[in-house]
N, C-alpha and C. Protein backbone atom coordinates (compact mmCIF):
# COMPACT_ATOMS: atom_id res chain seq x y z
N MET A 1 -6.34 -6.45 -44.11
CA MET A 1 -6.95 -7.23 -43.06
C MET A 1 -6.53 -6.71 -41.69
N LYS A 2 -5.18 -6.54 -41.49
CA LYS A 2 -4.70 -6.04 -40.20
C LYS A 2 -5.22 -4.63 -39.94
N ALA A 3 -5.36 -3.84 -40.97
CA ALA A 3 -5.85 -2.47 -40.81
C ALA A 3 -7.31 -2.48 -40.35
N GLN A 4 -8.11 -3.41 -40.87
CA GLN A 4 -9.52 -3.50 -40.46
C GLN A 4 -9.63 -3.93 -38.99
N ILE A 5 -8.80 -4.88 -38.58
CA ILE A 5 -8.84 -5.33 -37.19
C ILE A 5 -8.42 -4.20 -36.27
N GLY A 6 -7.36 -3.48 -36.64
CA GLY A 6 -6.88 -2.35 -35.83
C GLY A 6 -7.95 -1.27 -35.74
N ALA A 7 -8.64 -0.98 -36.85
CA ALA A 7 -9.68 0.03 -36.86
C ALA A 7 -10.87 -0.41 -36.01
N SER A 8 -11.19 -1.70 -36.04
CA SER A 8 -12.30 -2.23 -35.24
C SER A 8 -11.98 -2.13 -33.75
N ILE A 9 -10.76 -2.49 -33.38
CA ILE A 9 -10.36 -2.41 -31.98
C ILE A 9 -10.39 -0.96 -31.51
N LEU A 10 -9.92 -0.05 -32.34
CA LEU A 10 -9.92 1.37 -32.00
C LEU A 10 -11.36 1.88 -31.83
N ALA A 11 -12.25 1.48 -32.70
CA ALA A 11 -13.65 1.91 -32.62
C ALA A 11 -14.31 1.40 -31.34
N VAL A 12 -14.06 0.14 -31.01
CA VAL A 12 -14.63 -0.43 -29.79
C VAL A 12 -14.07 0.29 -28.56
N THR A 13 -12.78 0.58 -28.56
CA THR A 13 -12.15 1.27 -27.44
C THR A 13 -12.73 2.65 -27.25
N VAL A 14 -12.93 3.39 -28.33
CA VAL A 14 -13.51 4.73 -28.26
C VAL A 14 -14.95 4.65 -27.74
N ALA A 15 -15.72 3.68 -28.21
CA ALA A 15 -17.11 3.55 -27.78
C ALA A 15 -17.18 3.23 -26.29
N VAL A 16 -16.34 2.33 -25.83
CA VAL A 16 -16.35 1.96 -24.42
C VAL A 16 -15.93 3.16 -23.56
N THR A 17 -14.94 3.92 -24.02
CA THR A 17 -14.50 5.10 -23.28
C THR A 17 -15.61 6.14 -23.18
N LEU A 18 -16.33 6.38 -24.27
CA LEU A 18 -17.42 7.34 -24.24
C LEU A 18 -18.55 6.90 -23.32
N VAL A 19 -18.87 5.63 -23.33
CA VAL A 19 -19.93 5.13 -22.46
C VAL A 19 -19.51 5.25 -21.00
N ALA A 20 -18.24 4.96 -20.72
CA ALA A 20 -17.76 5.03 -19.34
C ALA A 20 -17.74 6.46 -18.82
N CYS A 21 -17.55 7.43 -19.72
CA CYS A 21 -17.49 8.82 -19.29
C CYS A 21 -18.86 9.46 -19.14
N ALA A 22 -19.91 8.81 -19.62
CA ALA A 22 -21.25 9.38 -19.52
C ALA A 22 -21.67 9.44 -18.05
N SER A 23 -22.37 10.51 -17.67
CA SER A 23 -22.82 10.65 -16.28
C SER A 23 -24.31 10.95 -16.25
N LYS A 24 -24.89 10.81 -15.06
CA LYS A 24 -26.31 11.07 -14.90
C LYS A 24 -26.61 12.54 -14.76
N GLY A 25 -25.65 13.34 -14.39
CA GLY A 25 -25.89 14.76 -14.14
C GLY A 25 -25.98 15.01 -12.66
N PRO A 26 -26.30 16.25 -12.26
CA PRO A 26 -26.33 16.57 -10.83
C PRO A 26 -27.47 15.84 -10.12
N ALA A 27 -27.22 15.49 -8.86
CA ALA A 27 -28.22 14.79 -8.06
C ALA A 27 -29.33 15.75 -7.65
N SER A 28 -30.54 15.23 -7.56
CA SER A 28 -31.66 16.07 -7.14
C SER A 28 -31.64 16.23 -5.62
N SER A 29 -32.42 17.17 -5.11
CA SER A 29 -32.46 17.39 -3.67
C SER A 29 -33.05 16.19 -2.94
N ALA A 30 -33.95 15.44 -3.57
CA ALA A 30 -34.52 14.25 -2.95
C ALA A 30 -33.43 13.18 -2.78
N ASP A 31 -32.54 13.06 -3.78
CA ASP A 31 -31.44 12.10 -3.67
C ASP A 31 -30.50 12.49 -2.54
N ARG A 32 -30.23 13.79 -2.41
CA ARG A 32 -29.34 14.24 -1.34
C ARG A 32 -29.95 14.00 0.04
N ALA A 33 -31.26 14.20 0.18
CA ALA A 33 -31.92 13.97 1.46
C ALA A 33 -31.87 12.49 1.83
N GLY A 34 -32.05 11.62 0.85
CA GLY A 34 -31.96 10.19 1.11
C GLY A 34 -30.56 9.80 1.55
N ALA A 35 -29.53 10.41 0.95
CA ALA A 35 -28.15 10.12 1.34
C ALA A 35 -27.89 10.60 2.76
N GLY A 36 -28.46 11.75 3.14
CA GLY A 36 -28.29 12.26 4.50
C GLY A 36 -28.93 11.34 5.52
N ALA A 37 -30.09 10.81 5.19
CA ALA A 37 -30.78 9.90 6.11
C ALA A 37 -29.98 8.61 6.25
N MET A 38 -29.42 8.15 5.14
CA MET A 38 -28.64 6.92 5.21
C MET A 38 -27.37 7.14 6.04
N SER A 39 -26.73 8.30 5.88
CA SER A 39 -25.51 8.52 6.64
C SER A 39 -25.81 8.65 8.13
N SER A 40 -26.96 9.23 8.50
CA SER A 40 -27.30 9.30 9.92
C SER A 40 -27.64 7.90 10.45
N GLU A 41 -28.28 7.07 9.62
CA GLU A 41 -28.56 5.70 10.02
C GLU A 41 -27.26 4.92 10.19
N TYR A 42 -26.32 5.16 9.29
CA TYR A 42 -25.01 4.50 9.37
C TYR A 42 -24.29 4.92 10.65
N ARG A 43 -24.32 6.23 10.95
CA ARG A 43 -23.69 6.72 12.18
C ARG A 43 -24.31 6.06 13.41
N SER A 44 -25.61 5.90 13.39
CA SER A 44 -26.29 5.27 14.52
C SER A 44 -25.87 3.81 14.67
N LEU A 45 -25.70 3.10 13.55
CA LEU A 45 -25.23 1.72 13.61
C LEU A 45 -23.81 1.64 14.15
N VAL A 46 -22.95 2.56 13.73
CA VAL A 46 -21.57 2.58 14.22
C VAL A 46 -21.53 2.86 15.71
N ASP A 47 -22.36 3.81 16.16
CA ASP A 47 -22.41 4.13 17.59
C ASP A 47 -22.88 2.92 18.40
N ASN A 48 -23.91 2.23 17.90
CA ASN A 48 -24.41 1.05 18.60
C ASN A 48 -23.37 -0.05 18.64
N ALA A 49 -22.63 -0.22 17.55
CA ALA A 49 -21.61 -1.28 17.50
C ALA A 49 -20.48 -0.98 18.47
N SER A 50 -20.11 0.30 18.61
CA SER A 50 -18.99 0.62 19.50
C SER A 50 -19.40 0.53 20.97
N SER A 51 -20.70 0.60 21.27
CA SER A 51 -21.13 0.48 22.66
C SER A 51 -21.57 -0.95 23.02
N GLU A 52 -21.48 -1.86 22.06
CA GLU A 52 -21.84 -3.26 22.31
C GLU A 52 -20.80 -3.89 23.26
N VAL A 53 -21.28 -4.60 24.25
CA VAL A 53 -20.39 -5.22 25.23
C VAL A 53 -20.02 -6.63 24.75
N ILE A 54 -18.73 -6.92 24.78
CA ILE A 54 -18.22 -8.22 24.36
C ILE A 54 -17.47 -8.83 25.53
N CYS A 55 -17.77 -10.07 25.86
CA CYS A 55 -17.11 -10.77 26.97
C CYS A 55 -16.16 -11.82 26.40
N GLN A 56 -14.95 -11.85 26.96
CA GLN A 56 -13.94 -12.82 26.54
C GLN A 56 -13.41 -13.53 27.77
N ARG A 57 -13.09 -14.78 27.61
CA ARG A 57 -12.49 -15.56 28.70
C ARG A 57 -10.98 -15.51 28.50
N THR A 58 -10.25 -15.07 29.52
CA THR A 58 -8.80 -14.98 29.44
C THR A 58 -8.18 -15.92 30.45
N ALA A 59 -7.00 -16.42 30.14
CA ALA A 59 -6.30 -17.35 31.02
C ALA A 59 -5.69 -16.60 32.19
N VAL A 60 -5.64 -17.25 33.32
CA VAL A 60 -4.99 -16.71 34.51
C VAL A 60 -3.55 -17.20 34.49
N THR A 61 -2.61 -16.30 34.66
CA THR A 61 -1.20 -16.66 34.65
C THR A 61 -0.90 -17.66 35.76
N GLY A 62 -0.22 -18.74 35.40
CA GLY A 62 0.14 -19.75 36.39
C GLY A 62 -0.86 -20.87 36.52
N SER A 63 -1.93 -20.84 35.75
CA SER A 63 -2.94 -21.89 35.85
C SER A 63 -3.35 -22.32 34.45
N ARG A 64 -3.50 -23.61 34.29
CA ARG A 64 -3.96 -24.12 33.00
C ARG A 64 -5.48 -24.29 32.98
N ILE A 65 -6.07 -24.26 34.14
CA ILE A 65 -7.50 -24.52 34.25
C ILE A 65 -8.30 -23.24 34.46
N GLN A 66 -7.84 -22.44 35.41
CA GLN A 66 -8.60 -21.24 35.75
C GLN A 66 -8.57 -20.21 34.63
N GLY A 67 -9.61 -19.45 34.58
CA GLY A 67 -9.71 -18.35 33.65
C GLY A 67 -10.67 -17.33 34.23
N ARG A 68 -10.67 -16.16 33.67
CA ARG A 68 -11.63 -15.16 34.13
C ARG A 68 -12.28 -14.51 32.92
N GLU A 69 -13.47 -14.03 33.13
CA GLU A 69 -14.23 -13.42 32.06
C GLU A 69 -14.08 -11.90 32.16
N VAL A 70 -13.70 -11.30 31.05
CA VAL A 70 -13.52 -9.84 30.99
C VAL A 70 -14.51 -9.31 29.97
N CYS A 71 -15.33 -8.36 30.39
CA CYS A 71 -16.34 -7.76 29.51
C CYS A 71 -16.00 -6.29 29.28
N ARG A 72 -15.93 -5.91 28.00
CA ARG A 72 -15.64 -4.53 27.63
C ARG A 72 -16.41 -4.17 26.37
N THR A 73 -16.56 -2.88 26.14
CA THR A 73 -17.20 -2.44 24.90
C THR A 73 -16.16 -2.44 23.79
N ARG A 74 -16.64 -2.40 22.56
CA ARG A 74 -15.71 -2.33 21.42
C ARG A 74 -14.83 -1.09 21.51
N ALA A 75 -15.40 0.02 21.95
CA ALA A 75 -14.63 1.26 22.07
C ALA A 75 -13.51 1.08 23.10
N GLN A 76 -13.80 0.42 24.22
CA GLN A 76 -12.77 0.17 25.23
C GLN A 76 -11.69 -0.76 24.69
N MET A 77 -12.10 -1.77 23.93
CA MET A 77 -11.13 -2.69 23.35
C MET A 77 -10.21 -1.96 22.37
N GLU A 78 -10.76 -1.09 21.57
CA GLU A 78 -9.96 -0.32 20.61
C GLU A 78 -9.02 0.63 21.34
N GLU A 79 -9.50 1.25 22.41
CA GLU A 79 -8.67 2.15 23.21
C GLU A 79 -7.51 1.37 23.84
N ASP A 80 -7.79 0.18 24.39
CA ASP A 80 -6.73 -0.66 24.96
C ASP A 80 -5.71 -1.06 23.90
N ARG A 81 -6.20 -1.38 22.72
CA ARG A 81 -5.31 -1.77 21.63
C ARG A 81 -4.40 -0.62 21.24
N GLU A 82 -4.96 0.57 21.11
CA GLU A 82 -4.15 1.74 20.74
C GLU A 82 -3.12 2.04 21.82
N ARG A 83 -3.52 1.94 23.09
CA ARG A 83 -2.61 2.18 24.20
C ARG A 83 -1.45 1.19 24.19
N ALA A 84 -1.75 -0.08 23.91
CA ALA A 84 -0.72 -1.12 23.85
C ALA A 84 0.24 -0.87 22.70
N LEU A 85 -0.29 -0.49 21.54
CA LEU A 85 0.58 -0.20 20.40
C LEU A 85 1.48 1.00 20.68
N GLN A 86 0.94 2.02 21.33
CA GLN A 86 1.74 3.19 21.68
C GLN A 86 2.85 2.81 22.66
N PHE A 87 2.53 1.95 23.63
CA PHE A 87 3.53 1.49 24.59
C PHE A 87 4.66 0.75 23.87
N ILE A 88 4.30 -0.12 22.93
CA ILE A 88 5.32 -0.88 22.19
C ILE A 88 6.19 0.08 21.37
N ARG A 89 5.58 1.06 20.72
CA ARG A 89 6.36 2.04 19.95
C ARG A 89 7.33 2.79 20.85
N ASN A 90 6.88 3.19 22.04
CA ASN A 90 7.75 3.92 22.97
C ASN A 90 8.91 3.04 23.43
N VAL A 91 8.64 1.78 23.72
CA VAL A 91 9.70 0.86 24.15
C VAL A 91 10.72 0.67 23.03
N GLU A 92 10.24 0.47 21.83
CA GLU A 92 11.15 0.29 20.70
C GLU A 92 11.99 1.53 20.46
N ARG A 93 11.36 2.70 20.56
CA ARG A 93 12.08 3.95 20.32
C ARG A 93 13.15 4.18 21.39
N THR A 94 12.82 3.98 22.66
CA THR A 94 13.79 4.21 23.72
C THR A 94 14.88 3.15 23.72
N ALA A 95 14.55 1.91 23.33
CA ALA A 95 15.55 0.85 23.28
C ALA A 95 16.59 1.13 22.20
N THR A 96 16.15 1.62 21.06
CA THR A 96 17.11 1.90 19.99
C THR A 96 17.91 3.16 20.27
N MET A 97 17.36 4.09 21.04
CA MET A 97 18.08 5.33 21.34
C MET A 97 19.13 5.12 22.44
N SER A 98 18.91 4.20 23.36
CA SER A 98 19.79 4.05 24.51
C SER A 98 20.92 3.05 24.26
N GLN A 99 20.86 2.26 23.20
CA GLN A 99 21.91 1.29 22.94
C GLN A 99 23.09 1.97 22.24
N PRO A 100 24.30 1.83 22.80
CA PRO A 100 25.46 2.41 22.12
C PRO A 100 25.80 1.61 20.87
N LEU A 101 26.35 2.30 19.90
CA LEU A 101 26.75 1.63 18.67
C LEU A 101 28.03 0.87 18.92
N PRO A 102 28.16 -0.35 18.41
CA PRO A 102 29.38 -1.12 18.62
C PRO A 102 30.53 -0.53 17.81
N ASP A 103 31.76 -0.67 18.33
CA ASP A 103 32.94 -0.19 17.64
C ASP A 103 33.30 -1.21 16.57
N ARG A 104 33.24 -0.80 15.33
CA ARG A 104 33.48 -1.72 14.22
C ARG A 104 34.80 -1.42 13.51
N SER A 105 35.77 -0.82 14.20
CA SER A 105 37.05 -0.52 13.57
C SER A 105 37.79 -1.82 13.29
N PRO A 106 38.36 -1.99 12.08
CA PRO A 106 39.05 -3.23 11.77
C PRO A 106 40.36 -3.34 12.55
N GLY A 107 40.61 -4.51 13.10
CA GLY A 107 41.86 -4.76 13.80
C GLY A 107 41.93 -4.22 15.20
N VAL A 108 40.86 -3.61 15.71
CA VAL A 108 40.87 -3.04 17.05
C VAL A 108 39.94 -3.87 17.91
N ALA A 109 40.46 -4.34 19.03
CA ALA A 109 39.63 -5.13 19.94
C ALA A 109 38.61 -4.22 20.62
N PRO A 110 37.40 -4.70 20.83
CA PRO A 110 36.39 -3.87 21.50
C PRO A 110 36.81 -3.57 22.92
N SER A 111 36.53 -2.34 23.36
CA SER A 111 36.90 -1.94 24.72
C SER A 111 35.96 -2.58 25.72
N PRO A 112 36.47 -2.93 26.90
CA PRO A 112 35.60 -3.57 27.90
C PRO A 112 34.59 -2.55 28.44
N ALA A 113 33.46 -3.07 28.89
CA ALA A 113 32.42 -2.21 29.46
C ALA A 113 32.89 -1.67 30.79
N PRO A 114 32.57 -0.41 31.13
CA PRO A 114 32.98 0.15 32.40
C PRO A 114 32.34 -0.61 33.56
N ARG A 115 33.10 -0.76 34.65
CA ARG A 115 32.62 -1.46 35.83
C ARG A 115 31.92 -0.49 36.77
N ALA A 116 30.91 -1.01 37.42
CA ALA A 116 30.19 -0.19 38.41
C ALA A 116 31.00 -0.20 39.69
N PRO A 117 31.12 0.97 40.39
CA PRO A 117 31.92 1.00 41.63
C PRO A 117 31.25 0.27 42.77
């Protein structure tokens, strides 16, 4: 009984594997031309989306009521985002490089910071 179940499971597994490995064969030139047209249409949609202007209302510092409207394209927003991330990375990198390591010797009191003249 167990042998029949094991053989049945093996047969089903082999059949599913063979079906999954079957392919249609090489694409025809008409299929490739349709894919090229779709990719150019996709590129055109991406270009249009990146040039779309989006307006956002931002708060004015120091006021709970006032705000101003800022309008930018998606490409400008992405550029601003990348610039801000790069700035944060630079600040983090320089902050970790300029901090001296604390003296962790056991039983030794930390030395006082040098005074400015």
